[in-house]
């Protein structure tokens, strides 16, 4: 039973970052045109953009807290901020690898982008369902929460394909 509680606590800690990271990945993928065929460059830009967002968010939060408390921040606050922001960066790893793998010839660049979108949408669905389950302890609300959360990713994917 304690293993389940540990996993639920980890879910609750990581949910914000994973959802934020997955939606950010989907938003960044909107900018990739269908005619571009540079998987390594695209993967570096994707991961670098997420890293920049994570660092900016972490520094802004630490700085804001320090100003509100009127106290300087140290390594403990930086470490805490990093632990809070790390799931956002982790959410970008699989989409980045899927896009970069297109350079090895396993599949086309467009397939890599589609696989990256599927992985981000899947994370949204899993975390959405899990959050619904934690809140309501019932399957149907969990499924509805998962459908809503993954629907954000699906909507961004549809917008991408309508634009490009």
C-alpha atoms as a PDB file:
ATOM      1  CA  UNK A   1       0.000   0.000   0.000  1.00  0.00           C
ATOM      2  CA  UNK A   2       2.835   2.424   0.720  1.00  0.00           C
ATOM      3  CA  UNK A   3       4.134   1.830  -2.835  1.00  0.00           C
ATOM      4  CA  UNK A   4       0.800   3.081  -4.218  1.00  0.00           C
ATOM      5  CA  UNK A   5       0.955   6.124  -1.945  1.00  0.00           C
ATOM      6  CA  UNK A   6       4.503   6.824  -3.083  1.00  0.00           C
ATOM      7  CA  UNK A   7       3.474   6.642  -6.736  1.00  0.00           C
ATOM      8  CA  UNK A   8       0.466   8.885  -6.141  1.00  0.00           C
ATOM      9  CA  UNK A   9       2.663  11.442  -4.361  1.00  0.00           C
ATOM     10  CA  UNK A  10       5.094  11.377  -7.306  1.00  0.00           C
ATOM     11  CA  UNK A  11       2.181  11.844  -9.711  1.00  0.00           C
ATOM     12  CA  UNK A  12       0.906  14.811  -7.750  1.00  0.00           C
ATOM     13  CA  UNK A  13       4.385  16.381  -7.678  1.00  0.00           C
ATOM     14  CA  UNK A  14       5.057  15.828 -11.387  1.00  0.00           C
ATOM     15  CA  UNK A  15       1.592  16.533 -12.836  1.00  0.00           C
ATOM     16  CA  UNK A  16       2.063  20.273 -13.276  1.00  0.00           C
ATOM     17  CA  UNK A  17       5.424  19.905 -14.993  1.00  0.00           C
ATOM     18  CA  UNK A  18       4.456  16.997 -17.250  1.00  0.00           C
ATOM     19  CA  UNK A  19       1.231  18.646 -18.403  1.00  0.00           C
ATOM     20  CA  UNK A  20       2.942  22.021 -18.843  1.00  0.00           C
ATOM     21  CA  UNK A  21       5.847  20.393 -20.700  1.00  0.00           C
ATOM     22  CA  UNK A  22       3.616  18.328 -22.970  1.00  0.00           C
ATOM     23  CA  UNK A  23       1.439  21.287 -23.929  1.00  0.00           C
ATOM     24  CA  UNK A  24       4.558  23.388 -24.521  1.00  0.00           C
ATOM     25  CA  UNK A  25       5.996  20.654 -26.773  1.00  0.00           C
ATOM     26  CA  UNK A  26       2.755  20.633 -28.761  1.00  0.00           C
ATOM     27  CA  UNK A  27       2.833  24.428 -29.041  1.00  0.00           C
ATOM     28  CA  UNK A  28       6.451  24.411 -30.249  1.00  0.00           C
ATOM     29  CA  UNK A  29       5.655  21.718 -32.789  1.00  0.00           C
ATOM     30  CA  UNK A  30       3.095  24.136 -34.272  1.00  0.00           C
ATOM     31  CA  UNK A  31       6.004  26.195 -35.599  1.00  0.00           C
ATOM     32  CA  UNK A  32       7.525  23.307 -37.542  1.00  0.00           C
ATOM     33  CA  UNK A  33       6.515  23.354 -41.184  1.00  0.00           C
ATOM     34  CA  UNK A  34       5.830  20.177 -43.153  1.00  0.00           C
ATOM     35  CA  UNK A  35       8.497  21.072 -45.693  1.00  0.00           C
ATOM     36  CA  UNK A  36      11.326  21.262 -43.159  1.00  0.00           C
ATOM     37  CA  UNK A  37      13.469  18.138 -43.099  1.00  0.00           C
ATOM     38  CA  UNK A  38      16.063  18.912 -40.417  1.00  0.00           C
ATOM     39  CA  UNK A  39      15.391  16.460 -37.591  1.00  0.00           C
ATOM     40  CA  UNK A  40      18.530  17.104 -35.513  1.00  0.00           C
ATOM     41  CA  UNK A  41      18.170  20.879 -35.718  1.00  0.00           C
ATOM     42  CA  UNK A  42      14.474  20.612 -34.887  1.00  0.00           C
ATOM     43  CA  UNK A  43      15.179  18.295 -31.927  1.00  0.00           C
ATOM     44  CA  UNK A  44      17.833  20.662 -30.551  1.00  0.00           C
ATOM     45  CA  UNK A  45      15.511  23.650 -30.957  1.00  0.00           C
ATOM     46  CA  UNK A  46      12.669  21.755 -29.249  1.00  0.00           C
ATOM     47  CA  UNK A  47      14.752  20.635 -26.254  1.00  0.00           C
ATOM     48  CA  UNK A  48      16.592  23.969 -26.057  1.00  0.00           C
ATOM     49  CA  UNK A  49      13.329  25.905 -26.069  1.00  0.00           C
ATOM     50  CA  UNK A  50      11.875  23.758 -23.300  1.00  0.00           C
ATOM     51  CA  UNK A  51      15.115  24.119 -21.291  1.00  0.00           C
ATOM     52  CA  UNK A  52      14.983  27.909 -21.692  1.00  0.00           C
ATOM     53  CA  UNK A  53      11.350  27.962 -20.563  1.00  0.00           C
ATOM     54  CA  UNK A  54      12.141  25.755 -17.552  1.00  0.00           C
ATOM     55  CA  UNK A  55      15.117  27.878 -16.511  1.00  0.00           C
ATOM     56  CA  UNK A  56      13.142  31.112 -16.936  1.00  0.00           C
ATOM     57  CA  UNK A  57      10.197  29.735 -14.973  1.00  0.00           C
ATOM     58  CA  UNK A  58      12.432  28.437 -12.183  1.00  0.00           C
ATOM     59  CA  UNK A  59      14.451  31.642 -11.876  1.00  0.00           C
ATOM     60  CA  UNK A  60      11.320  33.810 -12.019  1.00  0.00           C
ATOM     61  CA  UNK A  61       9.635  31.778  -9.256  1.00  0.00           C
ATOM     62  CA  UNK A  62      12.721  31.786  -7.021  1.00  0.00           C
ATOM     63  CA  UNK A  63      13.249  35.518  -7.559  1.00  0.00           C
ATOM     64  CA  UNK A  64       9.580  36.311  -6.950  1.00  0.00           C
ATOM     65  CA  UNK A  65       9.527  34.279  -3.733  1.00  0.00           C
ATOM     66  CA  UNK A  66      12.709  35.994  -2.529  1.00  0.00           C
ATOM     67  CA  UNK A  67      11.240  39.434  -3.235  1.00  0.00           C
ATOM     68  CA  UNK A  68       7.946  38.593  -1.502  1.00  0.00           C
ATOM     69  CA  UNK A  69       9.752  37.202   1.545  1.00  0.00           C
ATOM     70  CA  UNK A  70      12.380  39.946   1.429  1.00  0.00           C
ATOM     71  CA  UNK A  71      15.098  37.330   1.831  1.00  0.00           C
ATOM     72  CA  UNK A  72      17.904  36.265  -0.474  1.00  0.00           C
ATOM     73  CA  UNK A  73      17.755  32.814  -2.028  1.00  0.00           C
ATOM     74  CA  UNK A  74      20.426  30.153  -1.865  1.00  0.00           C
ATOM     75  CA  UNK A  75      21.168  26.675  -3.135  1.00  0.00           C
ATOM     76  CA  UNK A  76      18.277  25.130  -1.213  1.00  0.00           C
ATOM     77  CA  UNK A  77      15.785  27.350  -3.043  1.00  0.00           C
ATOM     78  CA  UNK A  78      17.480  26.707  -6.397  1.00  0.00           C
ATOM     79  CA  UNK A  79      17.396  22.947  -5.767  1.00  0.00           C
ATOM     80  CA  UNK A  80      13.724  23.094  -4.778  1.00  0.00           C
ATOM     81  CA  UNK A  81      12.908  25.142  -7.885  1.00  0.00           C
ATOM     82  CA  UNK A  82      14.753  22.671 -10.101  1.00  0.00           C
ATOM     83  CA  UNK A  83      12.916  19.697  -8.571  1.00  0.00           C
ATOM     84  CA  UNK A  84       9.621  21.462  -9.256  1.00  0.00           C
ATOM     85  CA  UNK A  85      10.549  22.326 -12.873  1.00  0.00           C
ATOM     86  CA  UNK A  86      12.369  19.135 -13.890  1.00  0.00           C
ATOM     87  CA  UNK A  87       9.201  17.242 -15.005  1.00  0.00           C
ATOM     88  CA  UNK A  88       8.588  19.949 -17.622  1.00  0.00           C
ATOM     89  CA  UNK A  89      11.954  19.170 -19.209  1.00  0.00           C
ATOM     90  CA  UNK A  90      11.461  15.417 -18.853  1.00  0.00           C
ATOM     91  CA  UNK A  91       8.177  15.670 -20.810  1.00  0.00           C
ATOM     92  CA  UNK A  92      10.187  16.907 -23.808  1.00  0.00           C
ATOM     93  CA  UNK A  93      12.691  14.014 -23.872  1.00  0.00           C
ATOM     94  CA  UNK A  94      10.637  11.415 -25.757  1.00  0.00           C
ATOM     95  CA  UNK A  95       9.299  13.839 -28.408  1.00  0.00           C
ATOM     96  CA  UNK A  96      12.853  15.141 -28.921  1.00  0.00           C
ATOM     97  CA  UNK A  97      14.263  11.630 -29.334  1.00  0.00           C
ATOM     98  CA  UNK A  98      11.471  10.646 -31.711  1.00  0.00           C
ATOM     99  CA  UNK A  99      12.189  13.636 -33.942  1.00  0.00           C
ATOM    100  CA  UNK A 100      15.971  13.120 -33.775  1.00  0.00           C
ATOM    101  CA  UNK A 101      15.560   9.434 -34.689  1.00  0.00           C
ATOM    102  CA  UNK A 102      14.244  10.508 -38.086  1.00  0.00           C
ATOM    103  CA  UNK A 103      17.822  11.502 -38.936  1.00  0.00           C
ATOM    104  CA  UNK A 104      18.839   7.840 -38.622  1.00  0.00           C
ATOM    105  CA  UNK A 105      16.440   6.875 -41.393  1.00  0.00           C
ATOM    106  CA  UNK A 106      14.080   4.808 -39.228  1.00  0.00           C
ATOM    107  CA  UNK A 107      11.198   6.909 -40.558  1.00  0.00           C
ATOM    108  CA  UNK A 108      10.563  10.242 -42.226  1.00  0.00           C
ATOM    109  CA  UNK A 109      10.767  13.599 -40.504  1.00  0.00           C
ATOM    110  CA  UNK A 110       6.976  14.024 -40.753  1.00  0.00           C
ATOM    111  CA  UNK A 111       6.505  10.633 -39.086  1.00  0.00           C
ATOM    112  CA  UNK A 112       8.869  11.759 -36.313  1.00  0.00           C
ATOM    113  CA  UNK A 113       6.771  14.864 -35.703  1.00  0.00           C
ATOM    114  CA  UNK A 114       3.569  12.786 -35.648  1.00  0.00           C
ATOM    115  CA  UNK A 115       5.163  10.313 -33.205  1.00  0.00           C
ATOM    116  CA  UNK A 116       6.312  13.233 -31.028  1.00  0.00           C
ATOM    117  CA  UNK A 117       2.759  14.574 -30.982  1.00  0.00           C
ATOM    118  CA  UNK A 118       1.367  11.147 -30.127  1.00  0.00           C
ATOM    119  CA  UNK A 119       3.823  10.784 -27.246  1.00  0.00           C
ATOM    120  CA  UNK A 120       2.923  14.230 -25.838  1.00  0.00           C
ATOM    121  CA  UNK A 121      -0.808  13.571 -26.210  1.00  0.00           C
ATOM    122  CA  UNK A 122      -0.363  10.162 -24.545  1.00  0.00           C
ATOM    123  CA  UNK A 123       1.366  11.771 -21.568  1.00  0.00           C
ATOM    124  CA  UNK A 124      -1.500  14.239 -21.315  1.00  0.00           C
ATOM    125  CA  UNK A 125      -4.027  11.384 -21.393  1.00  0.00           C
ATOM    126  CA  UNK A 126      -2.200   9.310 -18.763  1.00  0.00           C
ATOM    127  CA  UNK A 127      -1.664  12.231 -16.404  1.00  0.00           C
ATOM    128  CA  UNK A 128      -5.178  13.554 -17.013  1.00  0.00           C
ATOM    129  CA  UNK A 129      -6.699  10.168 -16.166  1.00  0.00           C
ATOM    130  CA  UNK A 130      -4.448   9.794 -13.128  1.00  0.00           C
ATOM    131  CA  UNK A 131      -5.384  13.225 -11.816  1.00  0.00           C
ATOM    132  CA  UNK A 132      -9.075  12.451 -12.316  1.00  0.00           C
ATOM    133  CA  UNK A 133      -8.590   9.178 -10.465  1.00  0.00           C
ATOM    134  CA  UNK A 134      -6.756  10.872  -7.563  1.00  0.00           C
ATOM    135  CA  UNK A 135      -9.484  13.498  -7.229  1.00  0.00           C
ATOM    136  CA  UNK A 136     -12.610  11.346  -7.669  1.00  0.00           C
ATOM    137  CA  UNK A 137     -11.420   7.738  -7.105  1.00  0.00           C
ATOM    138  CA  UNK A 138     -13.694   6.593  -9.941  1.00  0.00           C
ATOM    139  CA  UNK A 139     -12.998   5.418 -13.485  1.00  0.00           C
ATOM    140  CA  UNK A 140     -15.491   7.550 -15.433  1.00  0.00           C
ATOM    141  CA  UNK A 141     -14.352  10.914 -14.010  1.00  0.00           C
ATOM    142  CA  UNK A 142     -10.770   9.759 -14.574  1.00  0.00           C
ATOM    143  CA  UNK A 143     -11.537   8.968 -18.217  1.00  0.00           C
ATOM    144  CA  UNK A 144     -13.300  12.308 -18.675  1.00  0.00           C
ATOM    145  CA  UNK A 145     -10.376  14.163 -17.114  1.00  0.00           C
ATOM    146  CA  UNK A 146      -7.960  12.218 -19.336  1.00  0.00           C
ATOM    147  CA  UNK A 147     -10.040  12.974 -22.424  1.00  0.00           C
ATOM    148  CA  UNK A 148     -10.169  16.682 -21.600  1.00  0.00           C
ATOM    149  CA  UNK A 149      -6.453  16.920 -20.840  1.00  0.00           C
ATOM    150  CA  UNK A 150      -5.393  14.997 -23.951  1.00  0.00           C
ATOM    151  CA  UNK A 151      -7.960  16.986 -25.955  1.00  0.00           C
ATOM    152  CA  UNK A 152      -5.771  20.052 -25.448  1.00  0.00           C
ATOM    153  CA  UNK A 153      -2.948  18.252 -27.248  1.00  0.00           C
ATOM    154  CA  UNK A 154      -5.253  16.951 -29.971  1.00  0.00           C
ATOM    155  CA  UNK A 155      -6.567  20.477 -30.575  1.00  0.00           C
ATOM    156  CA  UNK A 156      -3.000  21.790 -30.948  1.00  0.00           C
ATOM    157  CA  UNK A 157      -2.161  18.943 -33.369  1.00  0.00           C
ATOM    158  CA  UNK A 158      -5.235  19.754 -35.468  1.00  0.00           C
ATOM    159  CA  UNK A 159      -4.294  23.447 -35.551  1.00  0.00           C
ATOM    160  CA  UNK A 160      -0.787  22.492 -36.711  1.00  0.00           C
ATOM    161  CA  UNK A 161      -2.088  20.452 -39.606  1.00  0.00           C
ATOM    162  CA  UNK A 162      -4.603  23.124 -40.594  1.00  0.00           C
ATOM    163  CA  UNK A 163      -1.843  25.770 -40.638  1.00  0.00           C
ATOM    164  CA  UNK A 164       0.773  23.746 -42.475  1.00  0.00           C
END
